Amino acid sequence: MKKTLYVLSALVIAACSLTGCENKKVGNSKAENAAATTAEEVTAASTLEPDPLAPTEAETTAEAPAVTTVVTTEAVLGARTEIVNEEEQPDPLGGGAFEYNADGAVVFEGDYSTQSDRVLLSAAQALFESACRTNWNYTVGCPYSIDTNNYIENDFGWQYYLINDGYTTSLADVKNDYYKVFSDRYPADELSELYLDGDNGVYALSADRGMNIFYSYSKVTEIGERGGDEIFFTVENYYDGSDKSSEPYSRADTFSVVIGSDGVWRAGQFTLPY
């Protein structure tokens, strides 16, 4: 009898143990299911379409260096430009010592003779460039408005067109305008060939031509003789080649400045480089 009770007790204990194990396994399954469900939600959330208006990390990272690079580049280039200009491009107005007047001649603020050679070279360069523009406008083209339907002809059959600006009515008027930049110490004889007086006023040939395609630039390089009211300079004209050779070369010319009684610098001896 006792043996039978022991066997029954053992069976009951074994059954309870089995039931406990099963409950434990069920509890683990619920936890695993919950974890699986959470993982699925996270995965689903990560696959949702992102907000199109929200900046991405890549965009934010790319924009910051770009702004810094642009600012830095501009700052460096700006500083470099100032250095280059200071070292290679002298002040064309000599630090304010002189300026162009309304006609294109050069006028000094004070006594030019107290200025350094560097300032005088800058003044001569400014006047030379103005002389080039003036001479080109008067001898190659025409600085006045003209009536192409009203013309006269010279002995060679060249047509001269009437200047109709309402102010310029004679060859003397043309020369007077020209000598606002040039000194009449060096007469511009070619003006008498390019402008003719007529019954209705003065007529202009307006003989356009092309510029020398090989011309590069001109630079006043040194001061020469100084005599009374005239200063002579050397101008170096640079060319990229010629119709006979591609070798660049330069040609030196003499340019002079005539200082008028009014203190104005006007061009004297001059050769158009192009």
Protein backbone atom coordinates (compact mmCIF):
# COMPACT_ATOMS: atom_id res chain seq x y z
CA MET A 1 0.00 0.00 0.00
CA LYS A 2 2.73 2.42 0.93
CA LYS A 3 4.56 1.51 -2.20
CA THR A 4 1.51 2.36 -4.19
CA LEU A 5 1.24 5.79 -2.49
CA TYR A 6 4.86 6.58 -3.25
CA VAL A 7 4.32 5.78 -6.88
CA LEU A 8 1.23 7.99 -7.04
CA SER A 9 3.08 10.88 -5.35
CA ALA A 10 5.93 10.59 -7.80
CA LEU A 11 3.53 10.71 -10.71
CA VAL A 12 1.82 13.84 -9.31
CA ILE A 13 5.14 15.62 -8.84
CA ALA A 14 6.24 14.70 -12.34
CA ALA A 15 2.98 15.99 -13.77
CA CYS A 16 3.35 19.29 -11.93
CA SER A 17 6.91 19.62 -13.18
CA LEU A 18 5.79 19.06 -16.74
CA THR A 19 3.01 21.63 -16.41
CA GLY A 20 5.46 24.20 -15.04
CA CYS A 21 7.81 23.68 -17.93
CA GLU A 22 5.07 24.15 -20.44
CA ASN A 23 3.96 27.38 -18.77
CA LYS A 24 7.56 28.64 -18.88
CA LYS A 25 7.83 27.87 -22.53
CA VAL A 26 4.60 29.72 -23.25
CA GLY A 27 5.86 32.73 -21.33
CA ASN A 28 9.04 32.80 -23.47
CA SER A 29 7.00 32.53 -26.65
CA LYS A 30 4.98 35.62 -25.68
CA ALA A 31 8.14 37.60 -25.05
CA GLU A 32 9.61 36.47 -28.32
CA ASN A 33 6.39 37.36 -30.13
CA ALA A 34 6.40 40.81 -28.56
CA ALA A 35 10.04 41.30 -29.55
CA ALA A 36 9.29 40.11 -33.06
CA THR A 37 6.32 42.47 -33.29
CA THR A 38 8.49 45.42 -32.16
CA ALA A 39 11.16 44.50 -34.70
CA GLU A 40 8.58 44.38 -37.45
CA GLU A 41 7.25 47.83 -36.46
CA VAL A 42 10.75 49.29 -36.50
CA THR A 43 11.45 47.70 -39.88
CA ALA A 44 8.17 49.03 -41.26
CA ALA A 45 8.87 52.53 -39.91
CA SER A 46 12.31 52.53 -41.52
CA THR A 47 10.83 51.71 -44.91
CA LEU A 48 8.28 54.55 -44.84
CA GLU A 49 8.85 57.33 -47.43
CA PRO A 50 10.84 60.17 -45.76
CA ASP A 51 9.50 63.72 -45.51
CA PRO A 52 10.44 65.36 -48.83
CA LEU A 53 10.85 68.77 -47.17
CA ALA A 54 13.13 67.55 -44.41
CA PRO A 55 16.86 68.08 -45.23
CA THR A 56 18.85 64.89 -45.29
CA GLU A 57 22.04 64.41 -43.36
CA ALA A 58 23.98 64.27 -46.63
CA GLU A 59 22.54 67.61 -47.77
CA THR A 60 23.31 69.28 -44.45
CA THR A 61 26.85 67.95 -44.54
CA ALA A 62 27.40 69.05 -48.16
CA GLU A 63 26.04 72.57 -47.67
CA ALA A 64 28.22 73.60 -44.76
CA PRO A 65 31.62 73.08 -46.48
CA ALA A 66 30.29 74.71 -49.69
CA VAL A 67 29.50 77.98 -47.91
CA THR A 68 32.83 77.96 -46.14
CA THR A 69 34.67 77.24 -49.38
CA VAL A 70 32.99 80.08 -51.29
CA VAL A 71 33.63 82.63 -48.58
CA THR A 72 37.22 81.55 -48.20
CA THR A 73 37.81 81.56 -51.95
CA GLU A 74 36.37 85.03 -52.38
CA ALA A 75 38.40 86.35 -49.50
CA VAL A 76 41.63 84.91 -50.89
CA LEU A 77 40.97 86.10 -54.44
CA GLY A 78 40.04 89.54 -53.20
CA ALA A 79 43.25 89.86 -51.23
CA ARG A 80 45.30 88.57 -54.16
CA THR A 81 43.66 91.04 -56.54
CA GLU A 82 44.54 93.96 -54.29
CA ILE A 83 48.15 92.81 -54.08
CA VAL A 84 48.46 92.36 -57.85
CA ASN A 85 46.90 95.76 -58.53
CA GLU A 86 49.19 97.43 -56.04
CA GLU A 87 52.36 95.85 -57.40
CA GLU A 88 51.68 95.66 -61.13
CA GLN A 89 49.15 98.40 -61.87
CA PRO A 90 50.23 101.83 -60.60
CA ASP A 91 47.54 104.36 -59.79
CA PRO A 92 46.63 105.84 -63.21
CA LEU A 93 45.89 109.21 -61.62
CA GLY A 94 49.07 109.39 -59.57
CA GLY A 95 47.39 109.19 -56.19
CA GLY A 96 45.05 112.08 -57.03
CA ALA A 97 47.84 114.46 -58.06
CA PHE A 98 46.18 115.04 -61.46
CA GLU A 99 43.00 114.32 -63.40
CA TYR A 100 41.40 114.59 -66.82
CA ASN A 101 39.53 117.78 -67.52
CA ALA A 102 36.25 117.80 -69.44
CA ASP A 103 38.11 117.76 -72.77
CA GLY A 104 40.44 114.86 -72.01
CA ALA A 105 43.60 116.84 -71.27
CA VAL A 106 45.53 116.41 -68.00
CA VAL A 107 45.39 118.93 -65.16
CA PHE A 108 47.48 118.82 -61.99
CA GLU A 109 46.06 119.71 -58.60
CA GLY A 110 49.19 121.75 -57.79
CA ASP A 111 52.63 122.44 -59.21
CA TYR A 112 53.59 119.45 -61.35
CA SER A 113 57.31 120.20 -60.92
CA THR A 114 57.13 119.15 -57.28
CA GLN A 115 55.90 115.66 -58.20
CA SER A 116 58.05 112.53 -58.42
CA ASP A 117 59.07 110.99 -61.73
CA ARG A 118 56.64 108.14 -61.05
CA VAL A 119 53.72 110.58 -60.92
CA LEU A 120 54.92 112.37 -64.06
CA LEU A 121 55.13 109.06 -65.91
CA SER A 122 51.58 108.24 -64.81
CA ALA A 123 50.38 111.64 -66.03
CA ALA A 124 52.12 111.17 -69.36
CA GLN A 125 50.57 107.71 -69.71
CA ALA A 126 47.10 109.13 -69.07
CA LEU A 127 47.60 111.91 -71.62
CA PHE A 128 49.06 109.51 -74.19
CA GLU A 129 45.99 107.26 -73.96
CA SER A 130 43.69 110.27 -74.31
CA ALA A 131 45.71 111.46 -77.31
CA CYS A 132 45.33 108.03 -78.94
CA ARG A 133 41.54 108.12 -78.53
CA THR A 134 41.28 111.70 -79.76
CA ASN A 135 43.52 111.24 -82.77
CA TRP A 136 41.69 108.04 -83.75
CA ASN A 137 38.28 109.68 -83.46
CA TYR A 138 39.24 112.70 -85.57
CA THR A 139 41.48 111.12 -88.19
CA VAL A 140 40.04 107.63 -88.66
CA GLY A 141 36.39 108.20 -87.82
CA CYS A 142 34.44 111.36 -87.05
CA PRO A 143 33.42 112.53 -83.55
CA TYR A 144 30.47 114.52 -84.91
CA SER A 145 27.08 113.52 -86.26
CA ILE A 146 26.90 113.68 -90.04
CA ASP A 147 24.27 113.73 -92.78
CA THR A 148 25.20 110.99 -95.24
CA ASN A 149 22.67 112.31 -97.76
CA ASN A 150 24.38 115.68 -97.95
CA TYR A 151 27.92 115.52 -99.27
CA ILE A 152 30.52 117.16 -101.47
CA GLU A 153 33.45 115.64 -103.36
CA ASN A 154 37.08 116.62 -103.67
CA ASP A 155 39.25 116.39 -106.78
CA PHE A 156 39.71 112.64 -106.26
CA GLY A 157 36.02 111.96 -106.02
CA TRP A 158 36.08 111.32 -102.27
CA GLN A 159 32.80 112.05 -100.57
CA TYR A 160 32.69 114.36 -97.53
CA TYR A 161 29.51 114.39 -95.44
CA LEU A 162 27.98 117.44 -93.79
CA ILE A 163 28.48 117.75 -90.04
CA ASN A 164 25.05 118.55 -88.64
CA ASP A 165 25.51 118.79 -84.86
CA GLY A 166 24.42 122.43 -84.88
CA TYR A 167 27.70 123.71 -83.43
CA THR A 168 30.54 122.71 -85.72
CA THR A 169 30.29 124.82 -88.86
CA SER A 170 33.88 125.23 -90.09
CA LEU A 171 37.28 123.57 -90.27
CA ALA A 172 38.42 126.09 -87.66
CA ASP A 173 35.83 124.68 -85.25
CA VAL A 174 37.16 121.16 -85.80
CA LYS A 175 40.73 122.23 -85.14
CA ASN A 176 39.68 124.15 -82.04
CA ASP A 177 38.12 120.99 -80.61
CA TYR A 178 41.13 118.88 -81.54
CA TYR A 179 43.56 121.27 -79.88
CA LYS A 180 41.80 120.89 -76.56
CA VAL A 181 43.80 117.67 -76.13
CA PHE A 182 46.70 118.39 -78.50
CA SER A 183 48.97 121.42 -78.55
CA ASP A 184 48.83 123.61 -81.67
CA ARG A 185 52.63 123.75 -81.44
CA TYR A 186 52.45 120.62 -83.56
CA PRO A 187 49.93 121.45 -86.33
CA ALA A 188 47.59 118.62 -87.32
CA ASP A 189 47.87 119.07 -91.07
CA GLU A 190 45.91 115.89 -91.76
CA LEU A 191 42.75 117.59 -90.48
CA SER A 192 42.74 119.82 -93.55
CA GLU A 193 42.63 116.70 -95.71
CA LEU A 194 39.87 115.02 -93.70
CA TYR A 195 37.55 118.02 -93.25
CA LEU A 196 36.49 120.54 -95.89
CA ASP A 197 34.63 123.82 -95.65
CA GLY A 198 31.60 124.03 -97.95
CA ASP A 199 28.61 126.23 -98.70
CA ASN A 200 26.47 124.74 -95.94
CA GLY A 201 29.16 124.18 -93.30
CA VAL A 202 32.05 121.80 -92.79
CA TYR A 203 32.17 118.30 -94.26
CA ALA A 204 33.95 115.21 -92.92
CA LEU A 205 35.51 112.40 -94.90
CA SER A 206 34.83 109.94 -92.05
CA ALA A 207 37.29 107.45 -93.51
CA ASP A 208 36.94 104.44 -91.22
CA ARG A 209 39.62 101.77 -91.20
CA GLY A 210 40.50 98.80 -89.05
CA MET A 211 42.96 98.97 -86.18
CA ASN A 212 46.33 97.21 -86.42
CA ILE A 213 45.35 93.70 -85.33
CA PHE A 214 48.86 93.02 -83.98
CA TYR A 215 48.89 95.98 -81.60
CA SER A 216 48.91 95.00 -77.91
CA TYR A 217 49.50 98.03 -75.68
CA SER A 218 51.73 101.05 -75.06
CA LYS A 219 53.62 102.10 -71.97
CA VAL A 220 55.39 105.36 -71.17
CA THR A 221 58.68 104.06 -69.85
CA GLU A 222 61.02 106.97 -69.15
CA ILE A 223 61.43 110.71 -68.99
CA GLY A 224 63.76 112.33 -71.47
CA GLU A 225 64.60 115.94 -72.11
CA ARG A 226 62.86 118.69 -70.15
CA GLY A 227 62.92 122.09 -71.74
CA GLY A 228 60.83 125.04 -70.64
CA ASP A 229 57.17 124.16 -71.03
CA GLU A 230 57.72 120.80 -72.76
CA ILE A 231 58.70 117.38 -71.41
CA PHE A 232 59.72 114.48 -73.66
CA PHE A 233 59.00 110.87 -72.84
CA THR A 234 59.76 107.49 -74.37
CA VAL A 235 56.77 105.32 -75.24
CA GLU A 236 57.26 101.61 -75.83
CA ASN A 237 54.60 100.16 -78.14
CA TYR A 238 54.13 96.38 -78.00
CA TYR A 239 52.92 94.15 -80.83
CA ASP A 240 52.08 90.45 -80.91
CA GLY A 241 53.63 90.03 -84.36
CA SER A 242 53.31 91.38 -87.88
CA ASP A 243 52.06 90.32 -91.28
CA LYS A 244 55.53 88.89 -91.89
CA SER A 245 56.26 87.17 -88.57
CA SER A 246 54.49 85.84 -85.50
CA GLU A 247 57.32 86.97 -83.25
CA PRO A 248 56.24 89.68 -80.78
CA TYR A 249 58.23 92.89 -80.81
CA SER A 250 58.19 96.46 -79.49
CA ARG A 251 58.86 99.85 -81.02
CA ALA A 252 59.93 102.97 -79.17
CA ASP A 253 58.47 106.38 -80.06
CA THR A 254 58.86 109.85 -78.64
CA PHE A 255 55.91 111.49 -76.96
CA SER A 256 55.97 115.00 -75.58
CA VAL A 257 53.80 117.02 -73.24
CA VAL A 258 53.30 120.73 -73.73
CA ILE A 259 52.30 122.61 -70.58
CA GLY A 260 50.06 125.53 -71.49
CA SER A 261 49.93 128.89 -69.75
CA ASP A 262 46.78 127.59 -68.04
CA GLY A 263 48.77 124.71 -66.55
CA VAL A 264 47.01 122.11 -68.69
CA TRP A 265 49.06 119.26 -70.13
CA ARG A 266 48.38 118.71 -73.85
CA ALA A 267 49.93 116.24 -76.25
CA GLY A 268 52.76 117.50 -78.43
CA GLN A 269 54.94 115.17 -80.48
CA PHE A 270 52.86 112.07 -81.03
CA THR A 271 52.53 108.97 -83.20
CA LEU A 272 49.39 106.83 -83.17
CA PRO A 273 50.66 103.31 -82.39
CA TYR A 274 47.86 101.47 -84.19
